[in-house]
Protein backbone atom coordinates (compact mmCIF):
# COMPACT_ATOMS: atom_id res chain seq x y z
CA UNK A 1 0.04 0.09 -0.13
CA UNK A 2 0.90 3.71 -0.39
CA UNK A 3 2.40 5.62 2.12
CA UNK A 4 0.07 8.20 2.75
CA UNK A 5 2.23 9.91 5.46
CA UNK A 6 2.80 13.93 5.23
CA UNK A 7 4.63 16.58 7.12
CA UNK A 8 3.46 20.08 8.22
CA UNK A 9 6.44 21.94 9.35
CA UNK A 10 7.44 19.61 12.28
CA UNK A 11 3.67 18.09 12.79
CA UNK A 12 3.73 14.83 11.11
CA UNK A 13 0.47 13.05 10.19
CA UNK A 14 -0.28 9.67 9.32
CA UNK A 15 -2.49 10.71 6.14
CA UNK A 16 -3.52 13.68 4.95
CA UNK A 17 -7.03 14.19 5.69
CA UNK A 18 -8.24 16.30 8.52
CA UNK A 19 -11.65 17.53 9.89
CA UNK A 20 -12.56 21.27 9.24
CA UNK A 21 -13.21 23.18 12.90
CA UNK A 22 -16.64 23.79 13.58
CA UNK A 23 -18.01 20.54 11.21
CA UNK A 24 -16.38 17.69 13.86
CA UNK A 25 -17.25 19.00 17.48
CA UNK A 26 -14.73 17.96 19.46
CA UNK A 27 -14.12 14.73 17.91
CA UNK A 28 -15.62 12.44 20.27
CA UNK A 29 -19.01 13.18 19.31
CA UNK A 30 -18.29 11.39 15.98
CA UNK A 31 -16.56 8.19 18.03
CA UNK A 32 -19.26 5.84 17.29
CA UNK A 33 -19.70 6.50 13.63
CA UNK A 34 -15.92 6.84 12.26
CA UNK A 35 -12.38 5.49 13.76
CA UNK A 36 -11.02 8.60 14.82
CA UNK A 37 -7.17 7.11 14.46
CA UNK A 38 -7.84 7.08 11.05
CA UNK A 39 -7.94 10.43 10.50
CA UNK A 40 -4.82 12.30 10.01
CA UNK A 41 -5.93 15.25 12.59
CA UNK A 42 -8.69 16.65 13.74
CA UNK A 43 -9.21 20.30 13.89
CA UNK A 44 -11.46 21.01 16.96
CA UNK A 45 -14.05 23.88 17.22
CA UNK A 46 -13.62 27.42 16.80
CA UNK A 47 -12.33 28.48 20.37
CA UNK A 48 -11.39 32.23 21.49
CA UNK A 49 -10.19 34.03 24.98
CA UNK A 50 -14.00 34.83 26.52
CA UNK A 51 -16.85 32.66 26.06
CA UNK A 52 -19.11 33.63 23.03
CA UNK A 53 -22.86 32.83 22.70
CA UNK A 54 -22.65 33.41 18.81
CA UNK A 55 -25.63 34.45 16.94
CA UNK A 56 -29.35 34.35 17.25
CA UNK A 57 -31.02 31.79 15.14
CA UNK A 58 -31.59 30.99 12.61
CA UNK A 59 -28.19 30.52 11.85
CA UNK A 60 -27.79 27.92 9.22
CA UNK A 61 -29.31 27.33 5.63
CA UNK A 62 -29.34 25.04 3.25
CA UNK A 63 -28.78 26.51 -0.21
CA UNK A 64 -27.74 24.96 -4.12
CA UNK A 65 -25.24 22.91 -3.76
CA UNK A 66 -24.19 24.07 -0.15
CA UNK A 67 -24.74 25.70 3.22
CA UNK A 68 -24.74 28.73 4.75
CA UNK A 69 -23.83 29.70 8.38
CA UNK A 70 -23.63 32.40 10.83
CA UNK A 71 -23.06 30.48 14.02
CA UNK A 72 -20.80 33.27 15.08
CA UNK A 73 -18.00 31.02 17.13
CA UNK A 74 -19.96 30.22 19.95
CA UNK A 75 -17.97 28.58 22.68
CA UNK A 76 -17.29 28.60 26.44
CA UNK A 77 -13.94 29.95 26.22
CA UNK A 78 -9.84 29.10 26.15
CA UNK A 79 -10.15 28.36 29.67
CA UNK A 80 -12.85 25.88 29.70
CA UNK A 81 -11.38 24.08 27.20
CA UNK A 82 -8.54 23.59 28.74
CA UNK A 83 -10.08 22.45 31.78
CA UNK A 84 -13.14 20.64 30.69
CA UNK A 85 -12.52 19.77 27.06
CA UNK A 86 -8.90 18.83 26.72
CA UNK A 87 -8.74 16.26 29.23
CA UNK A 88 -11.42 14.63 27.31
CA UNK A 89 -9.88 14.33 24.27
CA UNK A 90 -5.96 14.54 25.15
CA UNK A 91 -6.07 10.59 24.46
CA UNK A 92 -7.64 10.53 21.30
CA UNK A 93 -5.29 8.66 18.90
CA UNK A 94 -4.64 11.58 16.12
CA UNK A 95 -3.05 14.98 15.87
CA UNK A 96 -5.65 17.39 17.65
CA UNK A 97 -5.52 20.86 16.53
CA UNK A 98 -7.32 23.99 17.85
CA UNK A 99 -8.66 26.44 15.82
CA UNK A 100 -8.36 30.24 17.45
CA UNK A 101 -10.22 33.32 16.76
CA UNK A 102 -10.01 36.57 18.51
CA UNK A 103 -11.19 40.46 18.36
CA UNK A 104 -7.59 41.73 18.60
CA UNK A 105 -3.89 40.29 18.06
CA UNK A 106 -3.88 40.59 22.06
CA UNK A 107 -7.15 38.32 21.95
CA UNK A 108 -5.27 35.85 19.79
CA UNK A 109 -1.91 35.44 21.34
CA UNK A 110 -3.27 34.91 24.74
CA UNK A 111 -5.46 32.64 23.57
CA UNK A 112 -2.91 31.08 21.75
CA UNK A 113 -0.42 31.37 25.03
CA UNK A 114 -2.69 29.33 27.08
CA UNK A 115 -3.47 26.26 24.16
CA UNK A 116 0.47 26.20 23.92
CA UNK A 117 0.68 24.84 27.35
CA UNK A 118 -0.87 21.78 26.82
CA UNK A 119 1.07 18.93 25.81
CA UNK A 120 -0.90 17.01 23.63
CA UNK A 121 -2.32 19.66 21.30
CA UNK A 122 0.50 19.86 18.76
CA UNK A 123 -0.70 22.69 16.55
CA UNK A 124 -3.14 25.58 16.08
CA UNK A 125 -4.91 26.98 13.29
CA UNK A 126 -5.36 30.90 13.61
CA UNK A 127 -9.18 31.89 12.06
CA UNK A 128 -8.03 35.36 10.83
CA UNK A 129 -11.69 36.06 9.07
CA UNK A 130 -13.03 37.28 12.87
CA UNK A 131 -13.74 40.78 12.51
CA UNK A 132 -11.24 43.38 14.33
CA UNK A 133 -13.43 45.76 16.95
CA UNK A 134 -10.74 48.35 16.43
CA UNK A 135 -11.27 48.45 13.13
CA UNK A 136 -14.93 48.80 12.54
CA UNK A 137 -15.39 45.29 12.50
CA UNK A 138 -13.20 44.27 8.75
CA UNK A 139 -11.77 40.75 9.28
CA UNK A 140 -8.01 40.73 10.26
CA UNK A 141 -7.38 38.32 7.46
CA UNK A 142 -8.67 40.92 4.49
CA UNK A 143 -5.69 42.51 4.37
CA UNK A 144 -1.91 42.27 4.34
CA UNK A 145 -1.05 44.70 7.67
CA UNK A 146 -4.23 42.95 9.79
CA UNK A 147 -3.17 39.45 8.82
CA UNK A 148 0.55 40.07 9.51
CA UNK A 149 -0.43 41.78 12.92
CA UNK A 150 -2.06 38.92 14.24
CA UNK A 151 0.38 36.01 13.22
CA UNK A 152 3.09 38.43 14.32
CA UNK A 153 1.59 38.53 18.00
CA UNK A 154 0.87 34.85 18.19
CA UNK A 155 4.43 33.61 16.72
CA UNK A 156 5.94 35.85 19.79
CA UNK A 157 4.35 33.60 22.03
CA UNK A 158 2.98 30.30 20.67
CA UNK A 159 6.24 27.79 20.31
CA UNK A 160 4.06 24.91 18.02
CA UNK A 161 2.80 24.34 14.72
CA UNK A 162 0.95 27.41 13.74
CA UNK A 163 -1.38 27.25 10.84
CA UNK A 164 -3.34 30.25 9.22
CA UNK A 165 -6.55 30.15 7.70
CA UNK A 166 -7.32 32.13 5.42
CA UNK A 167 -10.31 34.36 4.12
CA UNK A 168 -11.46 33.68 0.40
CA UNK A 169 -12.97 37.43 0.52
CA UNK A 170 -9.98 39.07 -0.70
CA UNK A 171 -8.63 40.60 -3.89
CA UNK A 172 -5.27 38.69 -4.14
CA UNK A 173 -4.79 35.91 -1.45
CA UNK A 174 -1.34 34.66 -2.27
CA UNK A 175 -0.46 38.43 -1.24
CA UNK A 176 -1.89 37.59 1.62
CA UNK A 177 -0.17 34.01 2.20
CA UNK A 178 3.28 35.63 1.93
CA UNK A 179 2.79 38.10 4.40
CA UNK A 180 1.39 35.05 7.00
CA UNK A 181 4.76 33.36 5.74
CA UNK A 182 7.13 36.21 6.33
CA UNK A 183 5.53 36.60 10.15
CA UNK A 184 6.52 33.24 10.98
CA UNK A 185 3.45 30.81 9.80
CA UNK A 186 4.37 27.05 9.33
CA UNK A 187 1.22 26.44 7.14
CA UNK A 188 -1.51 27.93 5.62
CA UNK A 189 -5.08 26.78 5.08
CA UNK A 190 -7.79 27.83 2.44
CA UNK A 191 -10.04 28.37 2.24
CA UNK A 192 -12.44 30.02 4.69
CA UNK A 193 -16.24 30.68 3.79
CA UNK A 194 -17.47 32.86 1.10
CA UNK A 195 -19.90 35.24 2.26
CA UNK A 196 -23.03 34.98 0.61
CA UNK A 197 -26.96 35.63 1.66
CA UNK A 198 -30.36 33.46 1.27
CA UNK A 199 -33.96 35.46 1.04
CA UNK A 200 -37.11 33.81 1.84
CA UNK A 201 -39.11 35.45 -0.44
CA UNK A 202 -42.25 34.44 1.44
CA UNK A 203 -41.36 36.25 4.11
CA UNK A 204 -39.71 38.86 2.16
CA UNK A 205 -36.53 38.71 4.82
CA UNK A 206 -32.89 37.04 4.82
CA UNK A 207 -32.97 33.36 5.84
CA UNK A 208 -30.24 34.02 8.51
CA UNK A 209 -30.68 36.31 11.39
CA UNK A 210 -27.83 38.22 10.58
CA UNK A 211 -28.77 38.53 7.39
CA UNK A 212 -25.30 36.92 5.60
CA UNK A 213 -23.04 34.30 6.37
CA UNK A 214 -20.57 31.93 5.44
CA UNK A 215 -21.09 30.06 2.43
CA UNK A 216 -19.63 26.34 1.93
CA UNK A 217 -20.31 23.01 0.64
CA UNK A 218 -19.38 21.60 -2.89
CA UNK A 219 -20.81 24.87 -4.85
CA UNK A 220 -17.06 26.44 -3.49
CA UNK A 221 -14.96 24.25 -4.85
CA UNK A 222 -13.75 25.26 -8.14
CA UNK A 223 -12.95 28.35 -6.41
CA UNK A 224 -10.83 26.93 -3.38
CA UNK A 225 -9.14 24.83 -5.81
CA UNK A 226 -7.69 28.13 -7.90
CA UNK A 227 -6.94 29.52 -4.76
CA UNK A 228 -4.95 26.63 -3.60
CA UNK A 229 -3.23 26.62 -6.78
CA UNK A 230 -2.25 30.03 -6.63
CA UNK A 231 -1.00 29.93 -3.12
CA UNK A 232 1.04 26.92 -3.44
CA UNK A 233 3.09 28.36 -6.15
CA UNK A 234 3.39 31.60 -3.85
CA UNK A 235 5.01 30.50 -0.77
CA UNK A 236 7.12 27.99 0.49
CA UNK A 237 5.37 26.59 3.28
CA UNK A 238 2.97 23.71 3.01
CA UNK A 239 -0.75 24.42 2.17
CA UNK A 240 -3.43 23.11 2.99
CA UNK A 241 -6.40 23.13 1.08
CA UNK A 242 -10.21 22.61 1.84
CA UNK A 243 -13.74 24.03 0.29
CA UNK A 244 -16.27 21.76 -1.08
CA UNK A 245 -14.49 18.24 -0.37
CA UNK A 246 -16.98 15.42 -0.97
CA UNK A 247 -14.71 12.07 -1.91
CA UNK A 248 -11.47 10.73 -2.47
CA UNK A 249 -11.11 12.45 -6.05
CA UNK A 250 -12.15 15.86 -4.93
CA UNK A 251 -9.02 15.56 -2.11
CA UNK A 252 -6.52 14.59 -4.94
CA UNK A 253 -7.88 17.20 -7.06
CA UNK A 254 -6.48 19.72 -3.91
CA UNK A 255 -3.28 17.73 -3.39
CA UNK A 256 -2.09 17.62 -7.66
CA UNK A 257 -2.88 21.44 -7.01
CA UNK A 258 -0.23 21.88 -4.56
CA UNK A 259 -1.82 21.13 -1.07
CA UNK A 260 -0.10 19.05 1.46
CA UNK A 261 -2.89 18.27 3.35
CA UNK A 262 -6.89 18.38 2.98
CA UNK A 263 -9.68 19.44 5.14
CA UNK A 264 -13.30 17.72 5.13
CA UNK A 265 -16.18 20.53 6.08
CA UNK A 266 -19.66 20.83 5.26
CA UNK A 267 -19.40 16.92 3.98
CA UNK A 268 -19.15 15.73 7.53
CA UNK A 269 -22.79 17.18 8.07
CA UNK A 270 -23.99 14.67 5.15
CA UNK A 271 -21.69 11.98 6.22
CA UNK A 272 -20.20 11.18 9.13
CA UNK A 273 -17.49 9.02 7.97
CA UNK A 274 -16.43 10.85 4.99
CA UNK A 275 -12.86 11.63 6.33
CA UNK A 276 -12.32 7.95 6.75
CA UNK A 277 -13.90 6.97 3.42
CA UNK A 278 -11.82 9.49 1.99
CA UNK A 279 -8.75 8.13 3.29
CA UNK A 280 -9.43 4.99 1.96
CA UNK A 281 -10.33 6.18 -1.11
CA UNK A 282 -7.11 8.37 -1.76
CA UNK A 283 -5.03 5.14 -0.80
CA UNK A 284 -7.03 2.93 -3.21
CA UNK A 285 -5.99 5.92 -5.88
CA UNK A 286 -2.87 5.75 -5.17
CA UNK A 287 -2.48 2.22 -5.67
CA UNK A 288 -4.42 1.81 -8.70
CA UNK A 289 -2.11 4.20 -10.38
CA UNK A 290 1.18 2.33 -9.00
CA UNK A 291 2.14 5.51 -6.41
CA UNK A 292 4.37 4.37 -3.93
CA UNK A 293 3.89 7.40 -1.57
CA UNK A 294 1.27 10.38 -1.57
CA UNK A 295 3.95 12.67 -1.88
CA UNK A 296 4.14 11.63 -5.64
CA UNK A 297 1.03 13.45 -6.68
CA UNK A 298 1.68 16.87 -4.31
CA UNK A 299 1.58 19.66 -6.79
CA UNK A 300 1.34 17.24 -9.89
CA UNK A 301 -0.67 18.85 -12.18
CA UNK A 302 0.92 19.23 -15.86
CA UNK A 303 0.81 23.17 -16.67
């Protein structure tokens, strides 16, 4: 069988399949449905320095070939995670990664520092699509200066593998990726959700409580694939691809575009075992095509 091992900086993964933050809980919720030890890494739901209630309902809506959500990073804060959640998940036999969000660079850095102290969390993923409260709600990840400010602050206080999750709602995502690399990111993951909207024509009102939300699912895959290809050619650090991956063939497209690993998000709501199935499917594809290692197909599209 072909080797599926990949590395994200110093973080070794037994296979390139990861679960995206916010779609797989803390992993334990899926333990009866999928062998967690067969997943390359689990990225747990977004964690912030202080508790957040999230947005009012309704905050999820099905749309053509995807879904919208405006959950709003509901969580009980990093201290609750450290004392209540971490002891329950630390012995899961896979890599556990925490998605970190914040409203200021200092918030991000303090949250990351507290997670840095947890021995069995080898990496974090920074969600820089959060609104910067000091700049009128503009997301950090949509400007080079904003992205740099967060990565720089976190890198000073976090000493393990640092992944930065990029927003697609920008003019030049490769430029943002290069800035994150220059400030010390070990990897970038992309894409986060695209901004979208749905309207209930009978009620003449937006479907979501805050009117707009993040679009994910198969409908975003061509955009995500293009951006991963662009970023992989622009930076030297590993790229993690996500956006609409629903099967092994989707994952292989991202790997061929230059991704070292992939994340599966919305598809988890449809099939809780999809991450395991994609991992198996990648291995079967490699074997059918006579590949000894997954490394043979990373970035291997013919220009």
